[in-house]
Amino acid sequence: MSTTHTAGNGPLTGVRVVELAGIGPGPFAAMLLADLGADVVRVDRPGGAGIGIDPARDLTNRNKRSVLVDLKDERGPGTVLDLVERADVLVEGYRPGVAERLGVGPDACLARNPRLVYGRMTGWGQDGPLAPTAGHDIGYIAVTGALGMIGPDPEGPPAIPANLVGDYAGGSLYLVVGVLAALRHAREHGQGQVVDAAIVDGTAHLTTMIHAMLAAGGWQDRRGVNLLDGGCPFYGVYETSDGGHMAVGALEERFYEEFTRLLGIEETASARHDLARWPELRAAVAARFRSRTREEWTAVFDGRDACVAPVLSLREAPAHPHLAARGTFTERDGIAQPAPAPRFSATPGTLRTGPALPGADTAEVARDWSVPALTQETHA
């Protein structure tokens, strides 16, 4: 099926992106650009990335097209540079220096296309003592202080937030912000540039408000004792009688009053204002939640301004009435997945195609981008 882009496919329709295949935050950033309408061509290596995921189910490759190029072949770098010459953006997630050694680093690419936005996605960044070393999300968020503040138990280990905080929030999203800002500059001034998106930088940036609270004396530098880290009895998670959980975020006074009324603990509600009584309040809240099932408590708080919600699993989430009504999740080829976000009134993003299979679009891209070298047998 052709993925030729037309008006209405997203605000980035007409933007061309070359993605050098990798894993983790780079592909997710490129997926976001593709969801917003960009024509993203993923340059896959012969033999695949070797991560053991069925390409047909790798959702981070949706809305993209794929070509096969062997960058270690003598003609490989030239073929990528042919694509770069016609592109607005390049995204790569190699360790520092690898793209340069392969012949597709910033100098080579910007020499071919001075307006190019060259987006680099790494954990440690392009420089610094740790830049050449390996790492993963958990290590990046550990050294920024973000991991150490997550979790309800000040005496226990931090809670691991999957790889959402580092790889995707501190990594992918900051890369996309940087690319879009640089793209605007390139279009206004004709000058491309390199965007150095490091997960450690982005994750540290995410903690700005907490650092402000810390400086103002409103946050203790340890987990499980603060307003937003599980230390507060009216901002936390409680178990229900059936082993489910409810999330409570009744911070403001008016929401707290509604919360305690619906929960049925009005007699203990005044403990909110006395930190010495917070253990008493937590025990009262926990006892009440354990008296009914998650479904029963969901019905009690449904539609009320008490800031309480059921904790759903990944498979349960798409069926939540609010998410279903908004179409927050969608389905394609039998796979439930988050729909493109955010939403645009004039140029909505769309789920145009499923995951791009390695090399499946080589001939089509060679035609659309006028890069005949893609179809040469050495790159098949």
Protein backbone atom coordinates (compact mmCIF):
# COMPACT_ATOMS: atom_id res chain seq x y z
CA MET A 1 0.00 0.00 0.00
CA SER A 2 1.35 3.43 -0.90
CA THR A 3 2.04 5.90 1.90
CA THR A 4 2.18 8.94 -0.37
CA HIS A 5 1.28 11.82 1.91
CA THR A 6 -1.64 14.11 1.20
CA ALA A 7 -3.19 17.08 2.98
CA GLY A 8 -4.83 16.13 6.25
CA ASN A 9 -2.31 13.47 7.25
CA GLY A 10 -0.81 15.65 9.98
CA PRO A 11 0.92 18.99 10.46
CA LEU A 12 4.28 17.58 9.34
CA THR A 13 2.99 16.50 5.94
CA GLY A 14 5.72 17.25 3.40
CA VAL A 15 8.58 16.91 5.91
CA ARG A 16 11.03 14.19 4.95
CA VAL A 17 12.89 12.27 7.65
CA VAL A 18 15.70 9.74 7.35
CA GLU A 19 15.92 7.41 10.34
CA LEU A 20 19.03 5.29 10.76
CA ALA A 21 17.65 2.13 12.32
CA GLY A 22 18.29 1.59 16.01
CA ILE A 23 16.40 0.61 19.15
CA GLY A 24 14.59 2.46 21.93
CA PRO A 25 14.10 6.22 22.01
CA GLY A 26 15.33 6.99 18.47
CA PRO A 27 12.68 4.85 16.74
CA PHE A 28 9.99 6.19 19.08
CA ALA A 29 10.94 9.79 18.24
CA ALA A 30 10.80 8.97 14.54
CA MET A 31 7.42 7.28 15.07
CA LEU A 32 6.07 10.45 16.66
CA LEU A 33 7.26 12.49 13.68
CA ALA A 34 5.62 9.93 11.38
CA ASP A 35 2.38 10.02 13.38
CA LEU A 36 2.36 13.79 12.85
CA GLY A 37 2.52 13.30 9.10
CA ALA A 38 6.23 13.28 8.24
CA ASP A 39 7.44 10.91 5.51
CA VAL A 40 9.84 8.86 7.62
CA VAL A 41 12.15 6.49 5.75
CA ARG A 42 13.85 4.04 8.06
CA VAL A 43 17.22 2.82 6.82
CA ASP A 44 17.41 -0.78 7.99
CA ARG A 45 20.51 -2.92 7.87
CA PRO A 46 20.52 -6.31 6.12
CA GLY A 47 19.79 -8.96 8.73
CA GLY A 48 17.81 -6.63 10.98
CA ALA A 49 18.57 -5.07 14.33
CA GLY A 50 18.82 -8.40 16.14
CA ILE A 51 16.54 -7.46 19.04
CA GLY A 52 14.22 -10.44 18.66
CA ILE A 53 10.99 -8.52 18.00
CA ASP A 54 8.71 -9.55 15.14
CA PRO A 55 8.96 -6.57 12.75
CA ALA A 56 5.25 -6.91 12.00
CA ARG A 57 4.51 -6.12 15.66
CA ASP A 58 7.08 -3.40 16.28
CA LEU A 59 4.63 -0.54 16.63
CA THR A 60 7.37 2.08 16.82
CA ASN A 61 7.83 1.49 13.08
CA ARG A 62 4.24 2.34 12.17
CA ASN A 63 3.53 5.09 9.64
CA LYS A 64 7.08 4.71 8.28
CA ARG A 65 8.65 3.22 5.19
CA SER A 66 11.73 1.01 5.19
CA VAL A 67 14.68 0.60 2.86
CA LEU A 68 17.68 -1.71 3.18
CA VAL A 69 21.16 -0.21 3.02
CA ASP A 70 24.38 -1.82 4.21
CA LEU A 71 26.40 1.09 5.58
CA LYS A 72 29.47 -1.15 5.70
CA ASP A 73 29.26 -1.69 1.95
CA GLU A 74 31.42 0.80 0.04
CA ARG A 75 28.37 2.27 -1.67
CA GLY A 76 26.15 2.31 1.41
CA PRO A 77 27.12 5.72 2.84
CA GLY A 78 26.69 7.36 -0.56
CA THR A 79 23.18 5.98 -0.85
CA VAL A 80 22.25 7.36 2.57
CA LEU A 81 23.74 10.73 1.61
CA ASP A 82 21.55 10.68 -1.50
CA LEU A 83 18.56 10.36 0.82
CA VAL A 84 19.94 13.04 3.13
CA GLU A 85 20.24 15.47 0.21
CA ARG A 86 16.45 15.24 -0.19
CA ALA A 87 15.57 15.17 3.51
CA ASP A 88 14.70 17.78 6.11
CA VAL A 89 15.68 15.72 9.14
CA LEU A 90 17.95 12.80 10.02
CA VAL A 91 17.57 10.81 13.25
CA GLU A 92 20.30 8.48 14.55
CA GLY A 93 20.92 6.79 17.88
CA TYR A 94 24.46 5.42 17.59
CA ARG A 95 27.16 5.86 20.21
CA PRO A 96 29.22 9.02 19.67
CA GLY A 97 31.57 8.66 16.71
CA VAL A 98 29.87 5.66 15.10
CA ALA A 99 27.94 7.64 12.47
CA GLU A 100 31.15 9.48 11.61
CA ARG A 101 33.03 6.20 11.13
CA LEU A 102 30.24 4.93 8.90
CA GLY A 103 30.52 8.02 6.72
CA VAL A 104 27.13 9.52 7.62
CA GLY A 105 28.08 11.82 10.48
CA PRO A 106 26.98 15.47 10.77
CA ASP A 107 29.85 16.91 8.74
CA ALA A 108 29.22 14.62 5.76
CA CYS A 109 25.46 15.08 5.90
CA LEU A 110 25.47 18.87 6.34
CA ALA A 111 28.03 19.19 3.55
CA ARG A 112 25.52 17.45 1.27
CA ASN A 113 22.49 19.31 2.69
CA PRO A 114 23.26 22.52 4.66
CA ARG A 115 19.60 22.87 5.69
CA LEU A 116 19.47 19.44 7.34
CA VAL A 117 18.45 19.01 10.97
CA TYR A 118 20.69 16.21 12.27
CA GLY A 119 19.07 14.69 15.37
CA ARG A 120 21.28 12.61 17.66
CA MET A 121 19.74 10.43 20.37
CA THR A 122 21.98 9.02 23.09
CA GLY A 123 21.84 8.28 26.79
CA TRP A 124 24.91 10.17 27.98
CA GLY A 125 25.19 12.76 25.19
CA GLN A 126 27.88 13.41 22.61
CA ASP A 127 30.54 14.41 25.15
CA GLY A 128 31.45 13.95 28.81
CA PRO A 129 33.29 11.16 30.65
CA LEU A 130 30.52 8.59 30.15
CA ALA A 131 29.68 9.47 26.53
CA PRO A 132 31.47 6.46 24.96
CA THR A 133 30.12 3.92 27.47
CA ALA A 134 27.07 1.68 27.25
CA GLY A 135 23.97 2.34 29.29
CA HIS A 136 20.24 1.89 29.64
CA ASP A 137 17.31 3.92 30.90
CA ILE A 138 17.67 2.81 34.51
CA GLY A 139 21.25 4.11 34.73
CA TYR A 140 20.48 7.41 33.04
CA ILE A 141 17.61 8.24 35.37
CA ALA A 142 19.65 7.01 38.36
CA VAL A 143 22.42 9.59 38.01
CA THR A 144 19.99 12.48 37.40
CA GLY A 145 18.22 11.98 40.72
CA ALA A 146 14.95 11.04 39.06
CA LEU A 147 15.02 7.35 39.99
CA GLY A 148 15.97 8.06 43.58
CA MET A 149 12.83 10.10 44.18
CA ILE A 150 10.39 7.49 42.86
CA GLY A 151 8.72 5.12 45.31
CA PRO A 152 6.55 5.25 48.42
CA ASP A 153 8.99 3.65 50.88
CA PRO A 154 11.81 5.84 52.23
CA GLU A 155 13.56 2.75 53.60
CA GLY A 156 13.13 0.56 50.53
CA PRO A 157 14.62 0.73 47.02
CA PRO A 158 13.30 3.13 44.39
CA ALA A 159 10.48 1.95 42.14
CA ILE A 160 11.45 1.37 38.50
CA PRO A 161 9.08 3.26 36.13
CA ALA A 162 9.64 0.88 33.18
CA ASN A 163 11.62 2.89 30.61
CA LEU A 164 9.11 5.71 30.29
CA VAL A 165 10.90 8.43 32.25
CA GLY A 166 14.32 8.16 30.63
CA ASP A 167 14.08 6.65 27.16
CA TYR A 168 10.82 8.24 26.12
CA ALA A 169 10.11 11.31 28.27
CA GLY A 170 13.68 12.47 28.80
CA GLY A 171 14.89 11.10 25.48
CA SER A 172 12.45 10.79 22.59
CA LEU A 173 10.26 13.75 23.44
CA TYR A 174 13.22 16.09 23.92
CA LEU A 175 14.68 14.95 20.61
CA VAL A 176 11.38 15.72 18.87
CA VAL A 177 11.15 19.15 20.53
CA GLY A 178 14.72 19.89 19.47
CA VAL A 179 14.18 18.67 15.91
CA LEU A 180 11.02 20.74 15.46
CA ALA A 181 12.67 23.87 16.85
CA ALA A 182 15.72 23.38 14.62
CA LEU A 183 13.48 22.66 11.64
CA ARG A 184 11.75 26.01 12.11
CA HIS A 185 15.13 27.73 12.26
CA ALA A 186 16.31 25.92 9.12
CA ARG A 187 13.25 26.96 7.17
CA GLU A 188 13.54 30.60 8.25
CA HIS A 189 17.31 30.99 7.91
CA GLY A 190 18.41 28.18 5.59
CA GLN A 191 20.76 26.86 8.25
CA GLY A 192 20.71 23.30 9.48
CA GLN A 193 22.31 22.12 12.72
CA VAL A 194 22.96 19.19 15.04
CA VAL A 195 20.52 18.44 17.86
CA ASP A 196 22.29 16.62 20.72
CA ALA A 197 19.46 14.99 22.69
CA ALA A 198 20.82 13.16 25.73
CA ILE A 199 18.53 11.20 28.03
CA VAL A 200 20.42 12.50 31.07
CA ASP A 201 19.83 16.10 29.97
CA GLY A 202 16.13 15.63 29.27
CA THR A 203 15.47 13.64 32.43
CA ALA A 204 17.25 16.22 34.56
CA HIS A 205 15.17 18.93 32.86
CA LEU A 206 11.99 17.06 33.81
CA THR A 207 12.85 17.48 37.49
CA THR A 208 12.90 21.30 37.33
CA MET A 209 9.76 21.79 39.43
CA ILE A 210 11.02 19.36 42.08
CA HIS A 211 14.32 21.24 42.26
CA ALA A 212 12.35 24.45 42.77
CA MET A 213 10.38 22.87 45.61
CA LEU A 214 13.63 21.51 47.08
CA ALA A 215 15.21 24.97 47.03
CA ALA A 216 12.11 26.48 48.62
CA GLY A 217 12.04 23.93 51.43
CA GLY A 218 8.90 22.26 50.14
CA TRP A 219 10.54 18.96 49.19
CA GLN A 220 12.74 16.62 51.21
CA ASP A 221 15.63 15.03 49.33
CA ARG A 222 14.42 11.49 50.02
CA ARG A 223 11.55 9.49 48.62
CA GLY A 224 8.27 8.52 50.18
CA VAL A 225 7.93 11.57 52.43
CA ASN A 226 6.75 14.25 50.03
CA LEU A 227 3.51 15.48 48.54
CA LEU A 228 3.86 13.76 45.15
CA ASP A 229 5.95 10.66 45.87
CA GLY A 230 3.58 8.56 47.96
CA GLY A 231 4.38 10.21 51.27
CA CYS A 232 1.04 12.00 51.33
CA PRO A 233 -1.98 9.83 52.31
CA PHE A 234 -4.29 11.61 49.89
CA TYR A 235 -1.91 11.22 46.93
CA GLY A 236 -1.22 7.53 46.58
CA VAL A 237 -2.41 4.06 45.60
CA TYR A 238 -4.61 1.80 47.72
CA GLU A 239 -5.54 -1.86 47.44
CA THR A 240 -9.17 -2.95 47.10
CA SER A 241 -10.85 -6.07 48.44
CA ASP A 242 -10.33 -7.99 45.19
CA GLY A 243 -6.62 -7.23 44.90
CA GLY A 244 -7.12 -4.27 42.57
CA HIS A 245 -5.95 -0.74 43.24
CA MET A 246 -7.31 2.80 43.23
CA ALA A 247 -5.22 5.91 42.59
CA VAL A 248 -5.96 8.95 44.74
CA GLY A 249 -4.85 12.49 43.90
CA ALA A 250 -7.14 14.61 46.07
CA LEU A 251 -4.66 17.43 46.69
CA GLU A 252 -6.89 20.51 46.63
CA GLU A 253 -9.17 21.12 49.60
CA ARG A 254 -12.44 20.95 47.65
CA PHE A 255 -11.45 17.68 45.97
CA TYR A 256 -10.25 16.27 49.28
CA GLU A 257 -13.60 17.06 50.93
CA GLU A 258 -15.46 15.22 48.18
CA PHE A 259 -12.99 12.33 48.40
CA THR A 260 -13.38 11.84 52.15
CA ARG A 261 -17.17 12.18 51.93
CA LEU A 262 -17.52 9.54 49.22
CA LEU A 263 -15.00 7.27 50.92
CA GLY A 264 -16.89 7.63 54.19
CA ILE A 265 -14.11 8.85 56.48
CA GLU A 266 -15.38 12.33 57.38
CA GLU A 267 -14.48 11.76 61.02
CA THR A 268 -10.80 11.42 60.11
CA ALA A 269 -10.72 14.08 57.39
CA SER A 270 -9.25 16.80 59.64
CA ALA A 271 -6.00 14.77 59.85
CA ARG A 272 -5.12 16.30 56.49
CA HIS A 273 -3.81 19.41 58.22
CA ASP A 274 -1.72 17.60 60.85
CA LEU A 275 1.34 15.74 59.55
CA ALA A 276 1.57 13.85 62.85
CA ARG A 277 -1.83 12.34 62.08
CA TRP A 278 -1.02 11.33 58.50
CA PRO A 279 -0.35 7.69 59.51
CA GLU A 280 -3.82 7.62 61.10
CA LEU A 281 -5.35 9.09 57.94
CA ARG A 282 -3.50 6.64 55.70
CA ALA A 283 -4.73 3.70 57.77
CA ALA A 284 -8.31 4.95 57.58
CA VAL A 285 -8.15 5.41 53.82
CA ALA A 286 -6.55 1.99 53.32
CA ALA A 287 -9.14 0.25 55.49
CA ARG A 288 -12.03 1.77 53.59
CA PHE A 289 -10.63 0.88 50.18
CA ARG A 290 -10.10 -2.71 51.32
CA SER A 291 -13.82 -2.96 52.09
CA ARG A 292 -14.97 -3.00 48.45
CA THR A 293 -13.81 -4.16 45.03
CA ARG A 294 -12.09 -1.96 42.49
CA GLU A 295 -15.21 -2.00 40.33
CA GLU A 296 -17.39 -0.92 43.25
CA TRP A 297 -15.11 1.96 44.18
CA THR A 298 -14.87 3.00 40.54
CA ALA A 299 -18.67 3.32 40.48
CA VAL A 300 -18.63 5.37 43.71
CA PHE A 301 -16.19 7.93 42.33
CA ASP A 302 -17.34 7.89 38.71
CA GLY A 303 -17.95 11.41 37.44
CA ARG A 304 -17.17 13.02 40.81
CA ASP A 305 -14.56 15.72 41.44
CA ALA A 306 -12.65 13.63 43.96
CA CYS A 307 -9.61 12.87 41.75
CA VAL A 308 -9.81 9.09 42.18
CA ALA A 309 -9.31 6.57 39.38
CA PRO A 310 -8.94 2.80 39.03
CA VAL A 311 -5.45 1.47 38.29
CA LEU A 312 -5.86 -0.41 35.02
CA SER A 313 -3.55 -2.84 33.27
CA LEU A 314 -2.24 -2.27 29.74
CA ARG A 315 -4.86 -4.64 28.32
CA GLU A 316 -7.67 -3.07 30.35
CA ALA A 317 -6.89 0.56 29.51
CA PRO A 318 -8.32 0.68 25.95
CA ALA A 319 -11.77 -0.31 27.25
CA HIS A 320 -11.98 2.51 29.82
CA PRO A 321 -15.14 4.46 28.89
CA HIS A 322 -13.39 7.83 28.67
CA LEU A 323 -10.47 6.55 26.61
CA ALA A 324 -12.84 4.59 24.38
CA ALA A 325 -15.02 7.66 23.79
CA ARG A 326 -11.99 9.76 22.81
CA GLY A 327 -10.40 7.05 20.71
CA THR A 328 -7.21 7.27 22.77
CA PHE A 329 -6.43 3.73 21.64
CA THR A 330 -7.00 2.28 18.22
CA GLU A 331 -6.56 -1.09 16.55
CA ARG A 332 -4.85 -2.07 13.33
CA ASP A 333 -4.20 -5.57 12.04
CA GLY A 334 -5.53 -6.96 15.30
CA ILE A 335 -3.07 -5.01 17.47
CA ALA A 336 -4.45 -2.55 20.04
CA GLN A 337 -2.20 0.50 20.30
CA PRO A 338 -2.20 4.15 21.37
CA ALA A 339 -3.54 6.47 18.69
CA PRO A 340 -1.41 9.35 17.40
CA ALA A 341 -1.15 12.27 19.83
CA PRO A 342 -1.58 15.17 20.36
CA ARG A 343 -4.63 16.17 18.33
CA PHE A 344 -4.93 18.90 15.73
CA SER A 345 -8.14 20.54 14.55
CA ALA A 346 -6.99 21.29 11.00
CA THR A 347 -4.29 18.68 10.32
CA PRO A 348 -5.02 15.57 12.38
CA GLY A 349 -2.42 12.86 12.61
CA THR A 350 -3.52 9.46 11.39
CA LEU A 351 -2.54 5.83 11.68
CA ARG A 352 -1.85 5.28 8.00
CA THR A 353 0.14 2.06 7.99
CA GLY A 354 1.25 -0.66 10.33
CA PRO A 355 4.90 -1.39 11.16
CA ALA A 356 7.22 -1.02 8.19
CA LEU A 357 8.84 -4.35 7.35
CA PRO A 358 12.60 -4.11 6.71
CA GLY A 359 13.26 -3.23 3.09
CA ALA A 360 9.63 -3.58 2.01
CA ASP A 361 9.43 -0.05 0.61
CA THR A 362 12.83 0.18 -1.10
CA ALA A 363 11.52 0.45 -4.66
CA GLU A 364 8.77 2.87 -3.69
CA VAL A 365 11.12 5.19 -1.82
CA ALA A 366 13.69 5.00 -4.62
CA ARG A 367 10.98 6.31 -6.94
CA ASP A 368 9.41 8.91 -4.61
CA TRP A 369 12.72 10.34 -3.39
CA SER A 370 14.53 9.94 -6.74
CA VAL A 371 17.31 7.80 -5.25
CA PRO A 372 17.87 5.01 -7.80
CA ALA A 373 20.91 3.72 -5.91
CA LEU A 374 18.51 2.17 -3.38
CA THR A 375 17.45 -0.48 -5.85
CA GLN A 376 20.92 -1.65 -6.73
CA GLU A 377 21.48 -5.30 -5.95
CA THR A 378 24.28 -4.59 -3.45
CA HIS A 379 21.70 -3.06 -1.10
CA ALA A 380 19.02 -5.69 -1.50
